[in-house]
């Protein structure tokens, strides 16, 4: 389980569903920037192993990402601009 209070992106392997992100106009690099710029985490109501991540990219765009957690792997399933 991720300890979000002490979260450091360097401790996790990030994976991205490039097709779903691209369908919403988000590149992999932009999605990854959120993890380094500070994030707000919300539990996903339907899936206990998924979280909503909200943060800003380097360009200042606010994004919401849906992330699946499996051990030390975080898979970004999809996302969109807010």
PDB file of N, CA and C in Angstrom:
ATOM      1  N   UNK A   1       0.840  -1.181   0.000  1.00  0.00           N
ATOM      2  CA  UNK A   1       0.000   0.000   0.000  1.00  0.00           C
ATOM      3  C   UNK A   1       0.888   1.248   0.000  1.00  0.00           C
ATOM      4  N   UNK A   2       0.468   2.227  -0.722  1.00  0.00           N
ATOM      5  CA  UNK A   2       1.217   3.476  -0.823  1.00  0.00           C
ATOM      6  C   UNK A   2       0.974   4.319   0.420  1.00  0.00           C
ATOM      7  N   UNK A   3       2.048   4.810   1.016  1.00  0.00           N
ATOM      8  CA  UNK A   3       1.932   5.775   2.103  1.00  0.00           C
ATOM      9  C   UNK A   3       1.954   7.160   1.455  1.00  0.00           C
ATOM     10  N   UNK A   4       0.774   7.690   1.170  1.00  0.00           N
ATOM     11  CA  UNK A   4       0.691   8.959   0.433  1.00  0.00           C
ATOM     12  C   UNK A   4       1.251  10.131   1.237  1.00  0.00           C
ATOM     13  N   UNK A   5       1.293  10.024   2.555  1.00  0.00           N
ATOM     14  CA  UNK A   5       1.856  11.103   3.373  1.00  0.00           C
ATOM     15  C   UNK A   5       3.365  11.239   3.193  1.00  0.00           C
ATOM     16  N   UNK A   6       4.020  10.157   2.812  1.00  0.00           N
ATOM     17  CA  UNK A   6       5.475  10.162   2.610  1.00  0.00           C
ATOM     18  C   UNK A   6       5.822   9.782   1.176  1.00  0.00           C
ATOM     19  N   UNK A   7       4.926  10.074   0.252  1.00  0.00           N
ATOM     20  CA  UNK A   7       5.085   9.657  -1.136  1.00  0.00           C
ATOM     21  C   UNK A   7       6.282  10.326  -1.798  1.00  0.00           C
ATOM     22  N   UNK A   8       7.107   9.511  -2.450  1.00  0.00           N
ATOM     23  CA  UNK A   8       8.219   9.980  -3.266  1.00  0.00           C
ATOM     24  C   UNK A   8       8.157   9.186  -4.573  1.00  0.00           C
ATOM     25  N   UNK A   9       7.915   9.881  -5.669  1.00  0.00           N
ATOM     26  CA  UNK A   9       7.748   9.215  -6.968  1.00  0.00           C
ATOM     27  C   UNK A   9       8.953   8.357  -7.340  1.00  0.00           C
ATOM     28  N   UNK A  10      10.130   8.702  -6.842  1.00  0.00           N
ATOM     29  CA  UNK A  10      11.342   7.939  -7.163  1.00  0.00           C
ATOM     30  C   UNK A  10      11.291   6.519  -6.598  1.00  0.00           C
ATOM     31  N   UNK A  11      10.425   6.280  -5.614  1.00  0.00           N
ATOM     32  CA  UNK A  11      10.314   4.963  -5.001  1.00  0.00           C
ATOM     33  C   UNK A  11       9.384   4.020  -5.762  1.00  0.00           C
ATOM     34  N   UNK A  12       8.752   4.523  -6.824  1.00  0.00           N
ATOM     35  CA  UNK A  12       7.748   3.739  -7.544  1.00  0.00           C
ATOM     36  C   UNK A  12       8.056   3.677  -9.036  1.00  0.00           C
ATOM     37  N   UNK A  13       7.605   2.587  -9.644  1.00  0.00           N
ATOM     38  CA  UNK A  13       7.685   2.444 -11.091  1.00  0.00           C
ATOM     39  C   UNK A  13       6.376   2.990 -11.661  1.00  0.00           C
ATOM     40  N   UNK A  14       6.482   3.969 -12.550  1.00  0.00           N
ATOM     41  CA  UNK A  14       5.299   4.565 -13.162  1.00  0.00           C
ATOM     42  C   UNK A  14       5.062   3.955 -14.537  1.00  0.00           C
ATOM     43  N   UNK A  15       3.828   3.576 -14.787  1.00  0.00           N
ATOM     44  CA  UNK A  15       3.419   3.079 -16.099  1.00  0.00           C
ATOM     45  C   UNK A  15       2.241   3.929 -16.560  1.00  0.00           C
ATOM     46  N   UNK A  16       2.082   4.042 -17.874  1.00  0.00           N
ATOM     47  CA  UNK A  16       1.046   4.902 -18.425  1.00  0.00           C
ATOM     48  C   UNK A  16       0.303   4.202 -19.555  1.00  0.00           C
ATOM     49  N   UNK A  17      -1.025   4.351 -19.584  1.00  0.00           N
ATOM     50  CA  UNK A  17      -1.817   3.902 -20.727  1.00  0.00           C
ATOM     51  C   UNK A  17      -1.795   5.058 -21.723  1.00  0.00           C
ATOM     52  N   UNK A  18      -0.799   5.029 -22.595  1.00  0.00           N
ATOM     53  CA  UNK A  18      -0.550   6.141 -23.514  1.00  0.00           C
ATOM     54  C   UNK A  18      -1.744   6.441 -24.408  1.00  0.00           C
ATOM     55  N   UNK A  19      -2.450   5.413 -24.871  1.00  0.00           N
ATOM     56  CA  UNK A  19      -3.588   5.620 -25.768  1.00  0.00           C
ATOM     57  C   UNK A  19      -4.726   6.375 -25.075  1.00  0.00           C
ATOM     58  N   UNK A  20      -5.049   5.974 -23.855  1.00  0.00           N
ATOM     59  CA  UNK A  20      -6.145   6.643 -23.138  1.00  0.00           C
ATOM     60  C   UNK A  20      -5.777   8.074 -22.759  1.00  0.00           C
ATOM     61  N   UNK A  21      -4.525   8.297 -22.366  1.00  0.00           N
ATOM     62  CA  UNK A  21      -4.098   9.659 -22.063  1.00  0.00           C
ATOM     63  C   UNK A  21      -4.137  10.529 -23.321  1.00  0.00           C
ATOM     64  N   UNK A  22      -3.638   9.992 -24.426  1.00  0.00           N
ATOM     65  CA  UNK A  22      -3.619  10.743 -25.681  1.00  0.00           C
ATOM     66  C   UNK A  22      -5.036  11.078 -26.144  1.00  0.00           C
ATOM     67  N   UNK A  23      -5.982  10.190 -25.891  1.00  0.00           N
ATOM     68  CA  UNK A  23      -7.372  10.446 -26.267  1.00  0.00           C
ATOM     69  C   UNK A  23      -7.937  11.660 -25.537  1.00  0.00           C
ATOM     70  N   UNK A  24      -7.333  12.006 -24.400  1.00  0.00           N
ATOM     71  CA  UNK A  24      -7.760  13.172 -23.620  1.00  0.00           C
ATOM     72  C   UNK A  24      -6.776  14.337 -23.745  1.00  0.00           C
ATOM     73  N   UNK A  25      -5.863  14.241 -24.707  1.00  0.00           N
ATOM     74  CA  UNK A  25      -4.933  15.342 -24.965  1.00  0.00           C
ATOM     75  C   UNK A  25      -3.819  15.480 -23.952  1.00  0.00           C
ATOM     76  N   UNK A  26      -3.430  14.375 -23.321  1.00  0.00           N
ATOM     77  CA  UNK A  26      -2.373  14.401 -22.304  1.00  0.00           C
ATOM     78  C   UNK A  26      -1.233  13.496 -22.757  1.00  0.00           C
ATOM     79  N   UNK A  27      -0.016  14.007 -22.716  1.00  0.00           N
ATOM     80  CA  UNK A  27       1.159  13.209 -23.024  1.00  0.00           C
ATOM     81  C   UNK A  27       1.686  12.533 -21.774  1.00  0.00           C
ATOM     82  N   UNK A  28       2.465  11.493 -21.963  1.00  0.00           N
ATOM     83  CA  UNK A  28       3.045  10.752 -20.842  1.00  0.00           C
ATOM     84  C   UNK A  28       3.921  11.659 -19.983  1.00  0.00           C
ATOM     85  N   UNK A  29       4.742  12.480 -20.624  1.00  0.00           N
ATOM     86  CA  UNK A  29       5.643  13.365 -19.873  1.00  0.00           C
ATOM     87  C   UNK A  29       4.850  14.330 -18.999  1.00  0.00           C
ATOM     88  N   UNK A  30       3.772  14.887 -19.554  1.00  0.00           N
ATOM     89  CA  UNK A  30       2.960  15.819 -18.786  1.00  0.00           C
ATOM     90  C   UNK A  30       2.305  15.127 -17.597  1.00  0.00           C
ATOM     91  N   UNK A  31       1.799  13.919 -17.804  1.00  0.00           N
ATOM     92  CA  UNK A  31       1.183  13.165 -16.712  1.00  0.00           C
ATOM     93  C   UNK A  31       2.210  12.864 -15.616  1.00  0.00           C
ATOM     94  N   UNK A  32       3.418  12.507 -16.003  1.00  0.00           N
ATOM     95  CA  UNK A  32       4.467  12.192 -15.032  1.00  0.00           C
ATOM     96  C   UNK A  32       4.857  13.405 -14.197  1.00  0.00           C
ATOM     97  N   UNK A  33       4.780  14.591 -14.778  1.00  0.00           N
ATOM     98  CA  UNK A  33       5.168  15.814 -14.062  1.00  0.00           C
ATOM     99  C   UNK A  33       4.353  16.014 -12.788  1.00  0.00           C
ATOM    100  N   UNK A  34       3.103  15.576 -12.785  1.00  0.00           N
ATOM    101  CA  UNK A  34       2.261  15.754 -11.604  1.00  0.00           C
ATOM    102  C   UNK A  34       2.883  15.129 -10.365  1.00  0.00           C
ATOM    103  N   UNK A  35       3.469  13.958 -10.524  1.00  0.00           N
ATOM    104  CA  UNK A  35       4.018  13.230  -9.380  1.00  0.00           C
ATOM    105  C   UNK A  35       5.204  13.959  -8.747  1.00  0.00           C
ATOM    106  N   UNK A  36       5.854  14.811  -9.500  1.00  0.00           N
ATOM    107  CA  UNK A  36       7.014  15.556  -8.996  1.00  0.00           C
ATOM    108  C   UNK A  36       6.641  16.955  -8.531  1.00  0.00           C
ATOM    109  N   UNK A  37       5.463  17.447  -8.913  1.00  0.00           N
ATOM    110  CA  UNK A  37       5.057  18.822  -8.606  1.00  0.00           C
ATOM    111  C   UNK A  37       4.121  18.933  -7.421  1.00  0.00           C
ATOM    112  N   UNK A  38       3.806  17.837  -6.798  1.00  0.00           N
ATOM    113  CA  UNK A  38       2.873  17.863  -5.671  1.00  0.00           C
ATOM    114  C   UNK A  38       1.489  17.465  -6.130  1.00  0.00           C
ATOM    115  N   UNK A  39       0.853  16.583  -5.370  1.00  0.00           N
ATOM    116  CA  UNK A  39      -0.434  16.041  -5.781  1.00  0.00           C
ATOM    117  C   UNK A  39      -1.409  16.009  -4.619  1.00  0.00           C
ATOM    118  N   UNK A  40      -2.677  15.977  -4.974  1.00  0.00           N
ATOM    119  CA  UNK A  40      -3.763  15.747  -4.023  1.00  0.00           C
ATOM    120  C   UNK A  40      -4.315  14.370  -4.350  1.00  0.00           C
ATOM    121  N   UNK A  41      -4.508  13.544  -3.348  1.00  0.00           N
ATOM    122  CA  UNK A  41      -4.938  12.173  -3.553  1.00  0.00           C
ATOM    123  C   UNK A  41      -6.333  11.973  -2.973  1.00  0.00           C
ATOM    124  N   UNK A  42      -7.176  11.308  -3.754  1.00  0.00           N
ATOM    125  CA  UNK A  42      -8.509  10.927  -3.295  1.00  0.00           C
ATOM    126  C   UNK A  42      -8.704   9.444  -3.581  1.00  0.00           C
ATOM    127  N   UNK A  43      -9.349   8.744  -2.669  1.00  0.00           N
ATOM    128  CA  UNK A  43      -9.662   7.337  -2.900  1.00  0.00           C
ATOM    129  C   UNK A  43     -10.717   7.229  -3.987  1.00  0.00           C
ATOM    130  N   UNK A  44     -10.618   6.188  -4.771  1.00  0.00           N
ATOM    131  CA  UNK A  44     -11.634   5.886  -5.765  1.00  0.00           C
ATOM    132  C   UNK A  44     -12.739   5.107  -5.063  1.00  0.00           C
ATOM    133  N   UNK A  45     -13.970   5.536  -5.206  1.00  0.00           N
ATOM    134  CA  UNK A  45     -15.085   4.909  -4.484  1.00  0.00           C
ATOM    135  C   UNK A  45     -15.385   3.497  -4.970  1.00  0.00           C
ATOM    136  N   UNK A  46     -15.207   3.241  -6.255  1.00  0.00           N
ATOM    137  CA  UNK A  46     -15.590   1.946  -6.811  1.00  0.00           C
ATOM    138  C   UNK A  46     -14.504   0.885  -6.690  1.00  0.00           C
ATOM    139  N   UNK A  47     -13.226   1.305  -6.731  1.00  0.00           N
ATOM    140  CA  UNK A  47     -12.116   0.357  -6.724  1.00  0.00           C
ATOM    141  C   UNK A  47     -11.139   0.716  -5.610  1.00  0.00           C
ATOM    142  N   UNK A  48     -10.904  -0.196  -4.684  1.00  0.00           N
ATOM    143  CA  UNK A  48     -10.041   0.100  -3.534  1.00  0.00           C
ATOM    144  C   UNK A  48      -8.565   0.209  -3.886  1.00  0.00           C
ATOM    145  N   UNK A  49      -8.160  -0.319  -5.060  1.00  0.00           N
ATOM    146  CA  UNK A  49      -6.763  -0.246  -5.466  1.00  0.00           C
ATOM    147  C   UNK A  49      -6.505   0.882  -6.475  1.00  0.00           C
ATOM    148  N   UNK A  50      -7.457   1.802  -6.599  1.00  0.00           N
ATOM    149  CA  UNK A  50      -7.320   2.934  -7.514  1.00  0.00           C
ATOM    150  C   UNK A  50      -7.512   4.240  -6.760  1.00  0.00           C
ATOM    151  N   UNK A  51      -6.823   5.268  -7.272  1.00  0.00           N
ATOM    152  CA  UNK A  51      -6.880   6.578  -6.652  1.00  0.00           C
ATOM    153  C   UNK A  51      -7.035   7.648  -7.719  1.00  0.00           C
ATOM    154  N   UNK A  52      -7.625   8.770  -7.321  1.00  0.00           N
ATOM    155  CA  UNK A  52      -7.681   9.951  -8.161  1.00  0.00           C
ATOM    156  C   UNK A  52      -6.538  10.854  -7.728  1.00  0.00           C
ATOM    157  N   UNK A  53      -5.710  11.249  -8.680  1.00  0.00           N
ATOM    158  CA  UNK A  53      -4.576  12.122  -8.408  1.00  0.00           C
ATOM    159  C   UNK A  53      -4.826  13.448  -9.111  1.00  0.00           C
ATOM    160  N   UNK A  54      -4.776  14.546  -8.386  1.00  0.00           N
ATOM    161  CA  UNK A  54      -4.962  15.868  -8.975  1.00  0.00           C
ATOM    162  C   UNK A  54      -3.694  16.669  -8.740  1.00  0.00           C
ATOM    163  N   UNK A  55      -3.226  17.334  -9.791  1.00  0.00           N
ATOM    164  CA  UNK A  55      -2.029  18.159  -9.664  1.00  0.00           C
ATOM    165  C   UNK A  55      -1.827  18.999 -10.903  1.00  0.00           C
ATOM    166  N   UNK A  56      -0.708  19.732 -10.910  1.00  0.00           N
ATOM    167  CA  UNK A  56      -0.388  20.619 -12.034  1.00  0.00           C
ATOM    168  C   UNK A  56       0.850  20.132 -12.768  1.00  0.00           C
ATOM    169  N   UNK A  57       0.788  20.253 -14.080  1.00  0.00           N
ATOM    170  CA  UNK A  57       1.955  19.945 -14.909  1.00  0.00           C
ATOM    171  C   UNK A  57       2.905  21.142 -14.873  1.00  0.00           C
ATOM    172  N   UNK A  58       4.085  20.984 -15.438  1.00  0.00           N
ATOM    173  CA  UNK A  58       5.058  22.089 -15.475  1.00  0.00           C
ATOM    174  C   UNK A  58       4.507  23.311 -16.211  1.00  0.00           C
ATOM    175  N   UNK A  59       3.607  23.082 -17.171  1.00  0.00           N
ATOM    176  CA  UNK A  59       3.022  24.196 -17.926  1.00  0.00           C
ATOM    177  C   UNK A  59       1.906  24.889 -17.153  1.00  0.00           C
ATOM    178  N   UNK A  60       1.531  24.327 -15.986  1.00  0.00           N
ATOM    179  CA  UNK A  60       0.502  24.933 -15.154  1.00  0.00           C
ATOM    180  C   UNK A  60      -0.893  24.368 -15.368  1.00  0.00           C
ATOM    181  N   UNK A  61      -1.012  23.395 -16.239  1.00  0.00           N
ATOM    182  CA  UNK A  61      -2.318  22.797 -16.502  1.00  0.00           C
ATOM    183  C   UNK A  61      -2.681  21.845 -15.366  1.00  0.00           C
ATOM    184  N   UNK A  62      -3.908  21.968 -14.847  1.00  0.00           N
ATOM    185  CA  UNK A  62      -4.392  21.091 -13.785  1.00  0.00           C
ATOM    186  C   UNK A  62      -4.989  19.847 -14.415  1.00  0.00           C
ATOM    187  N   UNK A  63      -4.529  18.691 -13.935  1.00  0.00           N
ATOM    188  CA  UNK A  63      -4.978  17.409 -14.462  1.00  0.00           C
ATOM    189  C   UNK A  63      -5.487  16.521 -13.345  1.00  0.00           C
ATOM    190  N   UNK A  64      -6.412  15.639 -13.698  1.00  0.00           N
ATOM    191  CA  UNK A  64      -6.845  14.570 -12.803  1.00  0.00           C
ATOM    192  C   UNK A  64      -6.464  13.260 -13.480  1.00  0.00           C
ATOM    193  N   UNK A  65      -5.776  12.405 -12.748  1.00  0.00           N
ATOM    194  CA  UNK A  65      -5.371  11.096 -13.254  1.00  0.00           C
ATOM    195  C   UNK A  65      -6.003  10.010 -12.402  1.00  0.00           C
ATOM    196  N   UNK A  66      -6.351   8.900 -13.035  1.00  0.00           N
ATOM    197  CA  UNK A  66      -6.811   7.721 -12.316  1.00  0.00           C
ATOM    198  C   UNK A  66      -5.642   6.741 -12.312  1.00  0.00           C
ATOM    199  N   UNK A  67      -5.240   6.341 -11.106  1.00  0.00           N
ATOM    200  CA  UNK A  67      -4.040   5.527 -10.928  1.00  0.00           C
ATOM    201  C   UNK A  67      -4.395   4.209 -10.242  1.00  0.00           C
ATOM    202  N   UNK A  68      -3.916   3.118 -10.814  1.00  0.00           N
ATOM    203  CA  UNK A  68      -4.058   1.781 -10.223  1.00  0.00           C
ATOM    204  C   UNK A  68      -2.762   1.469  -9.483  1.00  0.00           C
ATOM    205  N   UNK A  69      -2.878   1.040  -8.240  1.00  0.00           N
ATOM    206  CA  UNK A  69      -1.710   0.741  -7.405  1.00  0.00           C
ATOM    207  C   UNK A  69      -1.559  -0.763  -7.278  1.00  0.00           C
ATOM    208  N   UNK A  70      -0.351  -1.251  -7.582  1.00  0.00           N
ATOM    209  CA  UNK A  70      -0.038  -2.667  -7.387  1.00  0.00           C
ATOM    210  C   UNK A  70       1.398  -2.748  -6.882  1.00  0.00           C
ATOM    211  N   UNK A  71       1.535  -2.929  -5.580  1.00  0.00           N
ATOM    212  CA  UNK A  71       2.870  -2.971  -4.974  1.00  0.00           C
ATOM    213  C   UNK A  71       3.599  -1.649  -5.169  1.00  0.00           C
ATOM    214  N   UNK A  72       4.778  -1.728  -5.798  1.00  0.00           N
ATOM    215  CA  UNK A  72       5.592  -0.530  -6.049  1.00  0.00           C
ATOM    216  C   UNK A  72       5.375   0.005  -7.474  1.00  0.00           C
ATOM    217  N   UNK A  73       4.272  -0.412  -8.084  1.00  0.00           N
ATOM    218  CA  UNK A  73       3.971   0.014  -9.445  1.00  0.00           C
ATOM    219  C   UNK A  73       2.706   0.871  -9.438  1.00  0.00           C
ATOM    220  N   UNK A  74       2.786   2.049 -10.041  1.00  0.00           N
ATOM    221  CA  UNK A  74       1.633   2.919 -10.206  1.00  0.00           C
ATOM    222  C   UNK A  74       1.330   3.008 -11.693  1.00  0.00           C
ATOM    223  N   UNK A  75       0.151   2.560 -12.087  1.00  0.00           N
ATOM    224  CA  UNK A  75      -0.233   2.595 -13.496  1.00  0.00           C
ATOM    225  C   UNK A  75      -1.286   3.678 -13.684  1.00  0.00           C
ATOM    226  N   UNK A  76      -0.959   4.671 -14.494  1.00  0.00           N
ATOM    227  CA  UNK A  76      -1.895   5.731 -14.819  1.00  0.00           C
ATOM    228  C   UNK A  76      -2.823   5.188 -15.905  1.00  0.00           C
ATOM    229  N   UNK A  77      -4.077   5.001 -15.548  1.00  0.00           N
ATOM    230  CA  UNK A  77      -5.054   4.389 -16.443  1.00  0.00           C
ATOM    231  C   UNK A  77      -5.593   5.406 -17.434  1.00  0.00           C
ATOM    232  N   UNK A  78      -5.964   6.577 -16.950  1.00  0.00           N
ATOM    233  CA  UNK A  78      -6.495   7.636 -17.800  1.00  0.00           C
ATOM    234  C   UNK A  78      -6.377   8.969 -17.074  1.00  0.00           C
ATOM    235  N   UNK A  79      -6.773  10.016 -17.727  1.00  0.00           N
ATOM    236  CA  UNK A  79      -6.719  11.335 -17.126  1.00  0.00           C
ATOM    237  C   UNK A  79      -7.389  12.365 -18.009  1.00  0.00           C
ATOM    238  N   UNK A  80      -7.589  13.544 -17.447  1.00  0.00           N
ATOM    239  CA  UNK A  80      -8.192  14.645 -18.204  1.00  0.00           C
ATOM    240  C   UNK A  80      -7.840  15.961 -17.540  1.00  0.00           C
ATOM    241  N   UNK A  81      -7.980  17.044 -18.296  1.00  0.00           N
ATOM    242  CA  UNK A  81      -7.707  18.384 -17.783  1.00  0.00           C
ATOM    243  C   UNK A  81      -8.920  18.870 -16.995  1.00  0.00           C
ATOM    244  N   UNK A  82      -8.659  19.616 -15.943  1.00  0.00           N
ATOM    245  CA  UNK A  82      -9.753  20.205 -15.150  1.00  0.00           C
ATOM    246  C   UNK A  82      -9.888  21.675 -15.467  1.00  0.00           C
TER     247      UNK A  82
END
